[in-house]
């Protein structure tokens, strides 16, 4: 019998599972011999030259299902519906604490609207859903609480009939009472467990155990133990000398080929039904029960915010892997809780940049794989040293645009996320700049950013082009110079009462830049200077040697050309940027 479980690095999914298992055990208060290949029970040995495995006693798997769900519920309580339900307790108590004489008509309306919205769109909505009903069936006497919840009705309010303060507080007292019951361990375990199964776990694995529609065991904790945990314990206790197969991942001896990767989302396939996917129709991929349990921990290894997930496969060693993903988790979840915005890309960058001077992180971040989960699929990026340097050098500009956003097809997009997404995919920012300028000119109501934000993006792009060797001559001072040229041309149009012509000219210039049509852009530029009776600065001619230089100075000119009191009103913004020119 083996009484110590040793887990070594593998593929990116397996590594995500390792981070997940590490997080689960740490969260439950268990100590792990984290970064050594020589584990002696009862001693805390560490071999700094061998950082490729974690070790822990098999006893740690006792009650592992509880630890697994506790970690996911506690970590993502603010993102699941159960958290929304119990989270209203603070609001209800605040309303109760308001003194009667402080209740103005406006506060009464505000309180009633908040209470009614919670009752209709949250409490009643979720408590009647199929997943909640399935969870409540596992909790003794839950029907009494459900009846009590259903009996809580929304408060009637109209211009002629406003509810009394006592009625409002009475409803709040009832809400606090039922929320206190819902905060009980059984409700948290089963309702919260159902939440994380369908909102988190299903993203990484599916169709087995608690996600098998035909499963007989309805208790999610028992089912998880029966499918993942108990087989692992049994496997560790079994003599494997006579086993003739080997685990595809760790090469341990296995009895048969029954455990495969078909349960992993967007990865495995049913080897029985799709044998044509296999070489010579013979499956040679099977894993041991320990590896199956590690894969099951993937949801705890990824970090999720809104509809996105992210995992950094920094696989130099397990210490680097767990350290950078721990920092990532803190950044993403802190950003989510504070701003309620999608912060996955920002979290990746800050997890790295904030540790740039750390000696451990310094050597580990050369060509690191980052895996994003978006729109029900995995997206892979490589963080090269070049891109990391670009991001680090652009940290001031990136910090400036972190709150900027725009609306497209009724969906919000955040400037920081869009910029980082392109940089991590090794793409320049010209198309994004063009798109944002079009929106800024044509539909300012959908744009929640300033022209200075666009200039920041242009400067980030300049750093990128220099970093990948596509730009050498231009610098940030040139962008400011060309932008000012655009501003002075605008002033010339303003003096002639022709500001309304600027939008049409800008559209034509943007189209010329988008299609890399130098002749069309220069023709428009010449007409602008002829109209105001001034000579074209030589700087324009000097910056036309490459397509990248042409586009950079073109967008810089349009920035100034569309600036409203650009020099005065945005002087403070430019001072905040503190860009070395």
Protein backbone atom coordinates (compact mmCIF):
# COMPACT_ATOMS: atom_id res chain seq x y z
CA UNK A 1 0.00 0.00 0.00
CA UNK A 2 1.22 3.49 -0.86
CA UNK A 3 0.41 6.03 1.83
CA UNK A 4 1.90 9.07 0.08
CA UNK A 5 0.44 10.63 -3.08
CA UNK A 6 3.02 12.26 -5.33
CA UNK A 7 1.87 14.41 -8.24
CA UNK A 8 4.24 15.72 -10.91
CA UNK A 9 3.81 18.28 -13.69
CA UNK A 10 2.09 17.27 -16.92
CA UNK A 11 0.12 18.92 -19.73
CA UNK A 12 -1.64 22.26 -19.21
CA UNK A 13 -4.93 20.69 -18.11
CA UNK A 14 -3.17 18.41 -15.66
CA UNK A 15 -1.20 21.38 -14.32
CA UNK A 16 -4.45 23.30 -13.84
CA UNK A 17 -5.68 20.28 -11.88
CA UNK A 18 -2.52 20.34 -9.75
CA UNK A 19 -3.08 24.01 -8.91
CA UNK A 20 -6.71 23.17 -8.16
CA UNK A 21 -5.82 20.32 -5.80
CA UNK A 22 -3.21 22.53 -4.14
CA UNK A 23 -5.81 25.29 -3.63
CA UNK A 24 -8.40 22.86 -2.26
CA UNK A 25 -6.06 21.25 0.27
CA UNK A 26 -4.61 24.59 1.36
CA UNK A 27 -8.08 26.08 1.76
CA UNK A 28 -9.08 23.16 4.01
CA UNK A 29 -6.10 23.88 6.27
CA UNK A 30 -3.98 20.92 5.24
CA UNK A 31 -0.22 21.22 4.92
CA UNK A 32 1.39 20.10 1.68
CA UNK A 33 5.02 19.28 1.09
CA UNK A 34 4.83 21.47 -1.92
CA UNK A 35 8.06 21.57 -3.81
CA UNK A 36 10.06 18.45 -3.10
CA UNK A 37 10.57 15.03 -4.58
CA UNK A 38 11.71 13.49 -1.31
CA UNK A 39 8.84 13.24 1.19
CA UNK A 40 9.39 11.71 4.59
CA UNK A 41 6.21 11.42 6.62
CA UNK A 42 6.27 13.63 9.67
CA UNK A 43 9.20 15.70 8.42
CA UNK A 44 9.31 18.90 6.43
CA UNK A 45 12.08 18.21 3.96
CA UNK A 46 12.63 20.36 0.91
CA UNK A 47 14.96 19.63 -1.96
CA UNK A 48 15.34 22.95 -3.77
CA UNK A 49 16.83 21.28 -6.83
CA UNK A 50 13.78 19.14 -7.47
CA UNK A 51 10.67 21.29 -7.77
CA UNK A 52 8.46 19.10 -9.91
CA UNK A 53 5.99 17.46 -7.55
CA UNK A 54 3.74 17.92 -4.57
CA UNK A 55 3.33 15.24 -1.96
CA UNK A 56 0.71 14.60 0.70
CA UNK A 57 -0.54 11.63 2.75
CA UNK A 58 -3.47 9.65 1.44
CA UNK A 59 -5.39 10.59 4.59
CA UNK A 60 -5.88 14.04 3.07
CA UNK A 61 -8.45 12.51 0.72
CA UNK A 62 -10.76 11.81 3.64
CA UNK A 63 -13.68 14.21 3.29
CA UNK A 64 -12.13 15.55 0.05
CA UNK A 65 -15.54 16.08 -1.58
CA UNK A 66 -16.47 18.54 1.16
CA UNK A 67 -13.13 20.32 0.77
CA UNK A 68 -13.62 20.46 -3.01
CA UNK A 69 -17.04 22.10 -2.91
CA UNK A 70 -16.18 24.31 0.08
CA UNK A 71 -13.29 25.83 -1.86
CA UNK A 72 -15.36 26.60 -4.96
CA UNK A 73 -18.32 27.97 -2.98
CA UNK A 74 -16.15 30.14 -0.71
CA UNK A 75 -14.02 31.43 -3.59
CA UNK A 76 -16.89 32.28 -5.93
CA UNK A 77 -19.63 33.15 -3.45
CA UNK A 78 -20.00 36.60 -5.05
CA UNK A 79 -20.49 35.11 -8.52
CA UNK A 80 -23.09 32.41 -7.84
CA UNK A 81 -26.83 32.85 -7.32
CA UNK A 82 -26.65 31.48 -3.76
CA UNK A 83 -24.29 34.35 -2.91
CA UNK A 84 -26.74 36.86 -4.38
CA UNK A 85 -29.54 35.44 -2.22
CA UNK A 86 -27.71 35.49 1.12
CA UNK A 87 -25.86 38.69 0.22
CA UNK A 88 -29.07 40.72 0.50
CA UNK A 89 -29.00 40.23 4.28
CA UNK A 90 -26.77 43.29 4.70
CA UNK A 91 -29.17 45.48 2.68
CA UNK A 92 -32.18 44.25 4.63
CA UNK A 93 -30.47 44.90 7.98
CA UNK A 94 -29.46 48.39 6.84
CA UNK A 95 -33.08 49.21 5.99
CA UNK A 96 -34.21 47.90 9.39
CA UNK A 97 -31.61 50.11 11.13
CA UNK A 98 -32.84 53.32 9.50
CA UNK A 99 -34.61 55.48 12.03
CA UNK A 100 -38.30 56.04 11.27
CA UNK A 101 -37.90 59.82 11.20
CA UNK A 102 -35.13 59.48 8.59
CA UNK A 103 -37.44 57.69 6.15
CA UNK A 104 -38.23 60.31 3.51
CA UNK A 105 -40.61 59.61 0.61
CA UNK A 106 -37.60 59.10 -1.63
CA UNK A 107 -36.03 56.58 0.75
CA UNK A 108 -39.31 54.67 1.02
CA UNK A 109 -39.54 54.33 -2.76
CA UNK A 110 -35.87 53.37 -3.00
CA UNK A 111 -36.17 50.73 -0.26
CA UNK A 112 -39.35 49.22 -1.74
CA UNK A 113 -37.83 49.02 -5.22
CA UNK A 114 -34.74 47.27 -3.85
CA UNK A 115 -36.81 44.81 -1.78
CA UNK A 116 -39.25 44.01 -4.60
CA UNK A 117 -36.46 43.50 -7.11
CA UNK A 118 -34.76 41.08 -4.73
CA UNK A 119 -37.94 39.12 -4.00
CA UNK A 120 -39.08 38.81 -7.63
CA UNK A 121 -35.82 38.57 -9.57
CA UNK A 122 -33.67 36.76 -7.06
CA UNK A 123 -35.26 34.96 -4.12
CA UNK A 124 -38.46 33.64 -5.77
CA UNK A 125 -36.82 33.22 -9.17
CA UNK A 126 -34.02 30.94 -7.97
CA UNK A 127 -35.91 29.07 -5.26
CA UNK A 128 -38.35 27.82 -7.94
CA UNK A 129 -35.65 26.70 -10.38
CA UNK A 130 -35.01 23.02 -11.11
CA UNK A 131 -31.46 22.96 -9.70
CA UNK A 132 -32.62 24.52 -6.41
CA UNK A 133 -35.47 22.04 -6.12
CA UNK A 134 -32.99 19.18 -6.64
CA UNK A 135 -30.71 20.61 -3.94
CA UNK A 136 -33.54 21.24 -1.48
CA UNK A 137 -34.67 17.61 -1.76
CA UNK A 138 -31.43 16.64 -0.02
CA UNK A 139 -32.10 18.89 2.99
CA UNK A 140 -34.50 17.70 5.73
CA UNK A 141 -37.54 19.94 6.36
CA UNK A 142 -36.53 22.34 3.58
CA UNK A 143 -40.14 22.40 2.38
CA UNK A 144 -41.07 24.43 5.47
CA UNK A 145 -38.51 27.10 4.56
CA UNK A 146 -39.57 27.11 0.90
CA UNK A 147 -43.19 27.68 1.93
CA UNK A 148 -42.08 30.53 4.19
CA UNK A 149 -40.14 32.10 1.30
CA UNK A 150 -43.02 31.83 -1.17
CA UNK A 151 -45.34 33.52 1.33
CA UNK A 152 -43.14 36.63 1.32
CA UNK A 153 -44.80 38.90 -1.23
CA UNK A 154 -43.55 42.03 -2.95
CA UNK A 155 -44.66 45.31 -1.40
CA UNK A 156 -47.44 47.13 -3.23
CA UNK A 157 -46.69 50.75 -3.93
CA UNK A 158 -48.26 53.52 -6.03
CA UNK A 159 -48.45 57.29 -6.09
CA UNK A 160 -51.65 57.22 -4.05
CA UNK A 161 -50.74 54.35 -1.76
CA UNK A 162 -47.32 54.27 -0.17
CA UNK A 163 -46.49 51.47 2.27
CA UNK A 164 -45.87 52.24 5.91
CA UNK A 165 -42.39 52.12 7.41
CA UNK A 166 -43.46 49.29 9.72
CA UNK A 167 -44.60 47.22 6.71
CA UNK A 168 -41.24 47.72 4.99
CA UNK A 169 -39.30 46.74 8.09
CA UNK A 170 -41.57 43.76 8.71
CA UNK A 171 -40.77 42.38 5.25
CA UNK A 172 -37.06 42.98 5.85
CA UNK A 173 -37.24 41.07 9.16
CA UNK A 174 -38.85 38.14 7.35
CA UNK A 175 -36.14 38.26 4.69
CA UNK A 176 -33.39 38.28 7.31
CA UNK A 177 -35.01 35.29 9.00
CA UNK A 178 -35.14 33.14 5.85
CA UNK A 179 -31.63 34.23 4.82
CA UNK A 180 -30.33 33.15 8.25
CA UNK A 181 -31.79 29.72 7.57
CA UNK A 182 -30.33 29.64 4.05
CA UNK A 183 -26.90 30.42 5.49
CA UNK A 184 -26.98 27.12 7.34
CA UNK A 185 -24.30 24.55 6.39
CA UNK A 186 -26.65 22.15 4.61
CA UNK A 187 -28.17 24.88 2.40
CA UNK A 188 -24.77 26.36 1.65
CA UNK A 189 -23.34 22.95 0.84
CA UNK A 190 -26.07 21.70 -1.47
CA UNK A 191 -27.44 24.89 -3.02
CA UNK A 192 -23.99 26.41 -3.37
CA UNK A 193 -22.73 23.05 -4.61
CA UNK A 194 -25.36 22.92 -7.35
CA UNK A 195 -24.45 26.47 -8.32
CA UNK A 196 -20.75 25.75 -8.81
CA UNK A 197 -21.49 22.51 -10.66
CA UNK A 198 -23.39 24.28 -13.44
CA UNK A 199 -21.59 27.63 -13.41
CA UNK A 200 -17.96 26.51 -12.92
CA UNK A 201 -17.28 22.77 -12.95
CA UNK A 202 -19.17 22.20 -16.20
CA UNK A 203 -16.70 24.48 -18.00
CA UNK A 204 -13.83 22.03 -17.47
CA UNK A 205 -15.45 18.59 -17.33
CA UNK A 206 -18.91 17.20 -18.01
CA UNK A 207 -21.24 14.18 -18.44
CA UNK A 208 -19.85 12.12 -15.57
CA UNK A 209 -20.48 11.91 -11.82
CA UNK A 210 -22.44 14.97 -10.61
CA UNK A 211 -22.88 16.09 -14.22
CA UNK A 212 -24.30 12.80 -15.41
CA UNK A 213 -28.02 13.24 -16.05
CA UNK A 214 -28.63 9.53 -15.38
CA UNK A 215 -26.73 9.33 -12.09
CA UNK A 216 -28.50 7.33 -9.36
CA UNK A 217 -26.87 8.99 -6.35
CA UNK A 218 -28.54 12.38 -5.94
CA UNK A 219 -26.29 13.55 -3.11
CA UNK A 220 -23.60 15.52 -4.98
CA UNK A 221 -20.98 15.00 -2.26
CA UNK A 222 -21.47 11.24 -2.08
CA UNK A 223 -21.53 10.97 -5.88
CA UNK A 224 -18.28 12.92 -6.24
CA UNK A 225 -16.64 10.69 -3.64
CA UNK A 226 -17.94 7.51 -5.27
CA UNK A 227 -16.70 8.50 -8.72
CA UNK A 228 -13.44 10.30 -8.03
CA UNK A 229 -12.23 9.97 -4.44
CA UNK A 230 -12.93 6.39 -3.32
CA UNK A 231 -11.48 4.84 -6.52
CA UNK A 232 -8.31 6.88 -5.93
CA UNK A 233 -7.97 5.64 -2.35
CA UNK A 234 -8.65 2.08 -3.46
CA UNK A 235 -6.12 2.39 -6.28
CA UNK A 236 -3.43 3.60 -3.88
CA UNK A 237 -4.09 0.66 -1.54
CA UNK A 238 -4.04 -1.99 -4.28
CA UNK A 239 -1.02 -4.07 -5.25
CA UNK A 240 -0.41 -3.15 -8.91
CA UNK A 241 2.36 -5.61 -9.67
CA UNK A 242 0.20 -7.69 -12.02
CA UNK A 243 -1.32 -4.77 -13.93
CA UNK A 244 -0.28 -4.80 -17.57
CA UNK A 245 -1.26 -1.29 -18.76
CA UNK A 246 0.28 2.08 -17.99
CA UNK A 247 -1.23 5.47 -17.23
CA UNK A 248 -0.91 7.77 -20.22
CA UNK A 249 0.20 10.63 -17.95
CA UNK A 250 2.18 9.40 -14.96
CA UNK A 251 3.10 5.96 -16.35
CA UNK A 252 1.78 4.20 -13.24
CA UNK A 253 0.47 0.66 -13.68
CA UNK A 254 -3.29 0.41 -14.30
CA UNK A 255 -5.63 -2.59 -14.47
CA UNK A 256 -7.62 -1.67 -17.59
CA UNK A 257 -8.33 1.12 -20.11
CA UNK A 258 -11.64 2.21 -18.62
CA UNK A 259 -10.52 5.65 -17.42
CA UNK A 260 -10.05 7.95 -20.42
CA UNK A 261 -10.19 11.67 -21.15
CA UNK A 262 -13.71 11.73 -22.58
CA UNK A 263 -15.08 13.67 -19.59
CA UNK A 264 -12.84 16.71 -20.20
CA UNK A 265 -14.57 19.61 -21.96
CA UNK A 266 -13.44 20.25 -25.54
CA UNK A 267 -10.72 17.62 -25.14
CA UNK A 268 -11.68 14.00 -24.85
CA UNK A 269 -14.14 11.86 -26.79
CA UNK A 270 -16.09 8.68 -26.19
CA UNK A 271 -13.62 5.98 -27.25
CA UNK A 272 -16.42 3.41 -27.49
CA UNK A 273 -18.56 5.42 -29.91
CA UNK A 274 -15.83 7.26 -31.83
CA UNK A 275 -13.18 4.65 -32.41
CA UNK A 276 -12.40 6.27 -35.77
CA UNK A 277 -10.70 9.07 -33.80
CA UNK A 278 -8.05 6.60 -32.64
CA UNK A 279 -5.03 5.32 -34.53
CA UNK A 280 -5.84 1.95 -36.06
CA UNK A 281 -9.15 2.04 -34.11
CA UNK A 282 -7.30 0.93 -30.97
CA UNK A 283 -7.41 3.20 -27.92
CA UNK A 284 -4.06 3.53 -26.15
CA UNK A 285 -4.97 6.48 -23.94
CA UNK A 286 -6.06 5.68 -20.40
CA UNK A 287 -5.28 7.23 -17.04
CA UNK A 288 -5.06 6.08 -13.44
CA UNK A 289 -7.55 7.07 -10.76
CA UNK A 290 -5.13 9.55 -9.20
CA UNK A 291 -4.76 11.45 -12.49
CA UNK A 292 -8.53 11.36 -12.98
CA UNK A 293 -8.96 13.05 -9.60
CA UNK A 294 -6.33 15.66 -10.49
CA UNK A 295 -8.18 16.47 -13.73
CA UNK A 296 -11.40 16.79 -11.72
CA UNK A 297 -9.72 19.62 -9.77
CA UNK A 298 -9.29 21.79 -12.89
CA UNK A 299 -12.18 24.13 -11.96
CA UNK A 300 -10.28 25.03 -8.78
CA UNK A 301 -7.10 25.66 -10.78
CA UNK A 302 -8.69 28.11 -13.22
CA UNK A 303 -9.68 31.57 -12.02
CA UNK A 304 -13.12 32.71 -13.14
CA UNK A 305 -14.63 36.17 -13.37
CA UNK A 306 -17.95 36.71 -15.12
CA UNK A 307 -18.00 34.51 -18.21
CA UNK A 308 -14.22 34.24 -18.55
CA UNK A 309 -11.68 31.92 -16.98
CA UNK A 310 -7.90 31.99 -17.04
CA UNK A 311 -4.97 29.77 -16.07
CA UNK A 312 -1.24 30.54 -16.38
CA UNK A 313 0.71 27.40 -17.25
CA UNK A 314 4.01 28.60 -15.80
CA UNK A 315 5.47 25.10 -15.77
CA UNK A 316 9.10 25.75 -14.86
CA UNK A 317 8.28 24.09 -11.56
CA UNK A 318 5.34 23.66 -9.21
CA UNK A 319 6.45 26.54 -7.01
CA UNK A 320 6.32 28.92 -9.98
CA UNK A 321 3.02 27.39 -11.12
CA UNK A 322 1.23 27.78 -7.79
CA UNK A 323 2.79 31.15 -6.97
CA UNK A 324 1.82 32.98 -10.17
CA UNK A 325 -1.68 31.47 -10.25
CA UNK A 326 -2.21 32.45 -6.61
CA UNK A 327 -1.31 36.02 -7.50
CA UNK A 328 -3.59 35.80 -10.53
CA UNK A 329 -6.51 34.62 -8.39
CA UNK A 330 -6.08 37.48 -5.94
CA UNK A 331 -5.95 40.06 -8.75
CA UNK A 332 -8.91 38.75 -10.74
CA UNK A 333 -11.21 38.17 -7.78
CA UNK A 334 -10.28 41.47 -6.14
CA UNK A 335 -10.97 43.29 -9.41
CA UNK A 336 -14.27 41.46 -9.81
CA UNK A 337 -15.44 42.20 -6.27
CA UNK A 338 -14.44 45.87 -6.41
CA UNK A 339 -15.42 46.97 -9.90
CA UNK A 340 -17.80 44.26 -11.16
CA UNK A 341 -15.94 44.35 -14.47
CA UNK A 342 -14.30 41.59 -16.46
CA UNK A 343 -10.76 41.53 -15.12
CA UNK A 344 -9.19 38.31 -16.43
CA UNK A 345 -6.68 39.88 -18.83
CA UNK A 346 -5.84 42.60 -16.34
CA UNK A 347 -5.35 39.95 -13.67
CA UNK A 348 -2.88 38.06 -15.83
CA UNK A 349 -0.78 41.16 -16.43
CA UNK A 350 -0.80 42.33 -12.82
CA UNK A 351 0.08 38.85 -11.59
CA UNK A 352 3.23 39.12 -13.67
CA UNK A 353 4.13 42.80 -13.56
CA UNK A 354 3.79 43.07 -9.79
CA UNK A 355 6.27 40.21 -9.41
CA UNK A 356 8.72 41.37 -12.07
CA UNK A 357 11.45 42.15 -9.56
CA UNK A 358 10.94 38.88 -7.70
CA UNK A 359 13.91 36.61 -8.42
CA UNK A 360 11.74 33.48 -8.60
CA UNK A 361 9.35 35.01 -11.10
CA UNK A 362 12.12 36.72 -13.04
CA UNK A 363 13.41 33.56 -14.67
CA UNK A 364 10.15 31.73 -14.95
CA UNK A 365 8.27 34.06 -17.29
CA UNK A 366 9.95 33.38 -20.59
CA UNK A 367 7.35 32.19 -23.11
CA UNK A 368 4.64 31.26 -20.63
CA UNK A 369 1.43 29.65 -21.86
CA UNK A 370 -1.80 31.36 -20.79
CA UNK A 371 -5.11 29.58 -21.28
CA UNK A 372 -8.35 31.57 -21.40
CA UNK A 373 -11.83 30.08 -21.27
CA UNK A 374 -14.23 32.26 -23.25
CA UNK A 375 -17.46 31.52 -25.11
CA UNK A 376 -17.33 27.85 -24.07
CA UNK A 377 -13.93 27.21 -25.62
CA UNK A 378 -10.26 27.42 -24.69
CA UNK A 379 -8.11 30.16 -26.19
CA UNK A 380 -4.32 29.86 -25.94
CA UNK A 381 -1.77 32.66 -25.78
CA UNK A 382 1.98 32.71 -25.29
CA UNK A 383 3.46 35.36 -23.03
CA UNK A 384 6.81 35.93 -24.68
CA UNK A 385 9.51 37.94 -22.97
CA UNK A 386 9.13 40.61 -25.67
CA UNK A 387 5.40 41.06 -25.02
CA UNK A 388 5.96 41.09 -21.28
CA UNK A 389 8.49 43.91 -21.68
CA UNK A 390 6.06 45.84 -23.88
CA UNK A 391 3.33 45.49 -21.27
CA UNK A 392 5.70 46.53 -18.50
CA UNK A 393 6.91 49.59 -20.41
CA UNK A 394 3.29 50.54 -21.17
CA UNK A 395 2.04 50.12 -17.60
CA UNK A 396 1.31 53.87 -17.19
CA UNK A 397 -0.83 54.02 -20.34
CA UNK A 398 -2.56 50.73 -19.51
CA UNK A 399 -3.38 51.97 -16.04
CA UNK A 400 -4.92 55.12 -17.55
CA UNK A 401 -7.34 53.19 -19.80
CA UNK A 402 -8.40 50.60 -17.20
CA UNK A 403 -11.83 52.20 -16.66
CA UNK A 404 -12.53 52.97 -20.32
CA UNK A 405 -15.22 51.06 -22.20
CA UNK A 406 -17.58 51.19 -25.19
CA UNK A 407 -20.84 49.58 -26.20
CA UNK A 408 -21.22 47.52 -29.36
CA UNK A 409 -24.38 45.55 -30.18
CA UNK A 410 -25.64 46.19 -26.65
CA UNK A 411 -22.53 44.59 -25.14
CA UNK A 412 -19.87 46.35 -23.10
CA UNK A 413 -16.22 46.04 -24.10
CA UNK A 414 -13.40 47.28 -21.90
CA UNK A 415 -10.40 49.03 -23.41
CA UNK A 416 -7.91 47.34 -21.12
CA UNK A 417 -9.21 43.89 -21.96
CA UNK A 418 -9.33 44.55 -25.70
CA UNK A 419 -5.79 45.96 -25.77
CA UNK A 420 -4.32 43.11 -23.71
CA UNK A 421 -6.18 40.49 -25.72
CA UNK A 422 -4.46 41.70 -28.89
CA UNK A 423 -1.03 42.08 -27.33
CA UNK A 424 -1.16 38.56 -25.90
CA UNK A 425 -2.09 37.32 -29.37
CA UNK A 426 0.86 39.24 -30.80
CA UNK A 427 -1.36 41.64 -32.78
CA UNK A 428 -0.89 45.36 -33.30
CA UNK A 429 -3.59 47.83 -32.19
CA UNK A 430 -4.24 49.67 -35.47
CA UNK A 431 -7.58 47.98 -36.19
CA UNK A 432 -8.78 48.59 -32.63
CA UNK A 433 -7.69 52.24 -32.82
CA UNK A 434 -9.55 52.69 -36.11
CA UNK A 435 -12.69 51.09 -34.70
CA UNK A 436 -12.62 53.23 -31.54
CA UNK A 437 -12.05 56.45 -33.49
CA UNK A 438 -15.02 55.65 -35.74
CA UNK A 439 -17.21 55.17 -32.66
CA UNK A 440 -15.89 58.31 -31.00
CA UNK A 441 -16.74 60.42 -34.04
CA UNK A 442 -20.08 58.84 -34.92
CA UNK A 443 -21.56 57.66 -31.60
CA UNK A 444 -20.09 59.36 -28.56
CA UNK A 445 -22.93 58.11 -26.35
CA UNK A 446 -21.61 54.59 -26.67
CA UNK A 447 -18.05 55.65 -25.84
CA UNK A 448 -16.95 55.90 -22.22
CA UNK A 449 -13.40 57.03 -22.85
CA UNK A 450 -11.56 60.23 -23.77
CA UNK A 451 -9.27 61.14 -26.66
CA UNK A 452 -6.39 60.79 -24.22
CA UNK A 453 -7.35 57.12 -23.80
CA UNK A 454 -7.03 56.71 -27.58
CA UNK A 455 -3.65 58.38 -27.46
CA UNK A 456 -2.60 55.95 -24.73
CA UNK A 457 -3.56 53.03 -26.98
CA UNK A 458 -1.55 54.58 -29.80
CA UNK A 459 1.48 54.85 -27.52
CA UNK A 460 1.09 51.28 -26.30
CA UNK A 461 1.00 50.22 -29.95
CA UNK A 462 4.18 52.21 -30.60
CA UNK A 463 5.91 50.31 -27.78
CA UNK A 464 4.68 47.05 -29.27
CA UNK A 465 5.91 47.87 -32.77
CA UNK A 466 9.31 48.82 -31.38
CA UNK A 467 9.41 45.67 -29.28
CA UNK A 468 8.82 43.39 -32.27
CA UNK A 469 11.25 45.34 -34.45
CA UNK A 470 8.77 47.01 -36.81
CA UNK A 471 9.46 50.58 -35.70
CA UNK A 472 12.64 52.42 -34.85
CA UNK A 473 12.34 56.07 -35.87
CA UNK A 474 9.15 57.35 -34.23
CA UNK A 475 8.79 58.03 -30.50
CA UNK A 476 6.16 59.37 -28.11
CA UNK A 477 7.27 62.96 -28.72
CA UNK A 478 6.50 62.54 -32.43
CA UNK A 479 2.96 61.38 -31.58
CA UNK A 480 2.43 64.52 -29.48
CA UNK A 481 3.87 66.72 -32.25
CA UNK A 482 1.63 65.26 -34.96
CA UNK A 483 -1.39 65.39 -32.65
CA UNK A 484 -0.75 69.11 -32.13
CA UNK A 485 -0.56 69.59 -35.91
CA UNK A 486 -4.05 68.11 -36.10
CA UNK A 487 -5.27 70.44 -33.36
CA UNK A 488 -3.97 73.54 -35.17
CA UNK A 489 -5.64 72.43 -38.41
CA UNK A 490 -8.87 72.08 -36.43
CA UNK A 491 -8.43 75.64 -35.15
CA UNK A 492 -8.05 76.76 -38.78
CA UNK A 493 -11.35 75.12 -39.68
CA UNK A 494 -12.93 76.63 -36.57
CA UNK A 495 -11.83 80.13 -37.57
CA UNK A 496 -13.61 79.62 -40.91
CA UNK A 497 -16.76 78.27 -39.24
CA UNK A 498 -16.24 74.87 -40.90
CA UNK A 499 -15.90 72.54 -37.90
CA UNK A 500 -18.82 70.44 -39.18
CA UNK A 501 -16.68 69.36 -42.12
CA UNK A 502 -14.20 67.65 -39.80
CA UNK A 503 -16.29 64.52 -39.20
CA UNK A 504 -16.58 63.73 -42.92
CA UNK A 505 -12.88 64.33 -43.53
CA UNK A 506 -12.01 62.16 -40.51
CA UNK A 507 -14.10 59.27 -41.84
CA UNK A 508 -12.29 59.43 -45.17
CA UNK A 509 -8.91 59.57 -43.43
CA UNK A 510 -9.80 56.58 -41.23
CA UNK A 511 -10.80 54.57 -44.30
CA UNK A 512 -7.51 55.48 -45.99
CA UNK A 513 -5.57 54.35 -42.90
CA UNK A 514 -7.56 51.14 -42.64
CA UNK A 515 -6.69 50.22 -46.23
CA UNK A 516 -3.10 51.53 -45.93
CA UNK A 517 -3.78 53.98 -48.78
CA UNK A 518 -1.02 56.58 -48.36
CA UNK A 519 -2.01 58.52 -51.49
CA UNK A 520 -5.63 58.93 -50.41
CA UNK A 521 -4.62 60.06 -46.91
CA UNK A 522 -2.01 62.54 -48.15
CA UNK A 523 -4.48 63.92 -50.70
CA UNK A 524 -6.94 64.64 -47.88
CA UNK A 525 -4.18 66.11 -45.72
CA UNK A 526 -3.02 68.44 -48.53
CA UNK A 527 -6.59 69.65 -49.03
CA UNK A 528 -6.90 70.40 -45.30
CA UNK A 529 -3.77 72.54 -45.27
CA UNK A 530 -4.72 74.27 -48.51
CA UNK A 531 -8.12 75.10 -46.99
CA UNK A 532 -6.56 76.85 -43.97
CA UNK A 533 -3.80 78.38 -46.13
CA UNK A 534 -0.83 76.81 -44.38
CA UNK A 535 2.17 74.72 -45.43
CA UNK A 536 2.29 71.01 -44.63
CA UNK A 537 4.95 70.33 -41.95
CA UNK A 538 7.96 68.33 -43.17
CA UNK A 539 7.41 65.86 -40.33
CA UNK A 540 4.63 64.20 -42.33
CA UNK A 541 6.99 63.44 -45.21
CA UNK A 542 9.66 62.11 -42.85
CA UNK A 543 7.25 59.59 -41.30
CA UNK A 544 6.10 57.83 -44.47
CA UNK A 545 8.97 55.36 -44.89
CA UNK A 546 6.98 52.37 -43.54
CA UNK A 547 3.31 51.41 -43.28
CA UNK A 548 3.53 51.34 -39.46
CA UNK A 549 4.93 54.89 -39.32
CA UNK A 550 2.30 56.13 -41.76
CA UNK A 551 -0.56 54.69 -39.71
CA UNK A 552 0.86 55.94 -36.41
CA UNK A 553 1.20 59.56 -37.55
CA UNK A 554 -2.15 59.32 -39.37
CA UNK A 555 -4.06 58.32 -36.23
CA UNK A 556 -2.13 60.88 -34.16
CA UNK A 557 -3.22 63.62 -36.59
CA UNK A 558 -6.88 62.54 -36.43
CA UNK A 559 -6.71 62.62 -32.63
CA UNK A 560 -5.76 66.28 -32.68
CA UNK A 561 -8.07 67.04 -35.60
CA UNK A 562 -11.04 65.88 -33.49
CA UNK A 563 -9.88 67.33 -30.18
CA UNK A 564 -12.24 69.70 -28.40
CA UNK A 565 -10.08 72.15 -26.40
CA UNK A 566 -7.52 69.36 -26.56
CA UNK A 567 -4.56 71.36 -25.33
CA UNK A 568 -6.30 72.98 -22.34
CA UNK A 569 -8.89 70.49 -21.11
CA UNK A 570 -6.70 67.45 -21.51
CA UNK A 571 -3.50 68.98 -20.19
CA UNK A 572 -4.20 67.45 -16.78
CA UNK A 573 -4.74 64.04 -18.35
CA UNK A 574 -1.43 64.23 -20.18
CA UNK A 575 0.35 65.20 -16.98
CA UNK A 576 -1.11 62.10 -15.29
CA UNK A 577 0.37 59.89 -17.99
CA UNK A 578 3.91 61.03 -17.17
CA UNK A 579 5.18 59.63 -20.46
CA UNK A 580 8.88 60.04 -21.13
CA UNK A 581 9.14 61.83 -24.40
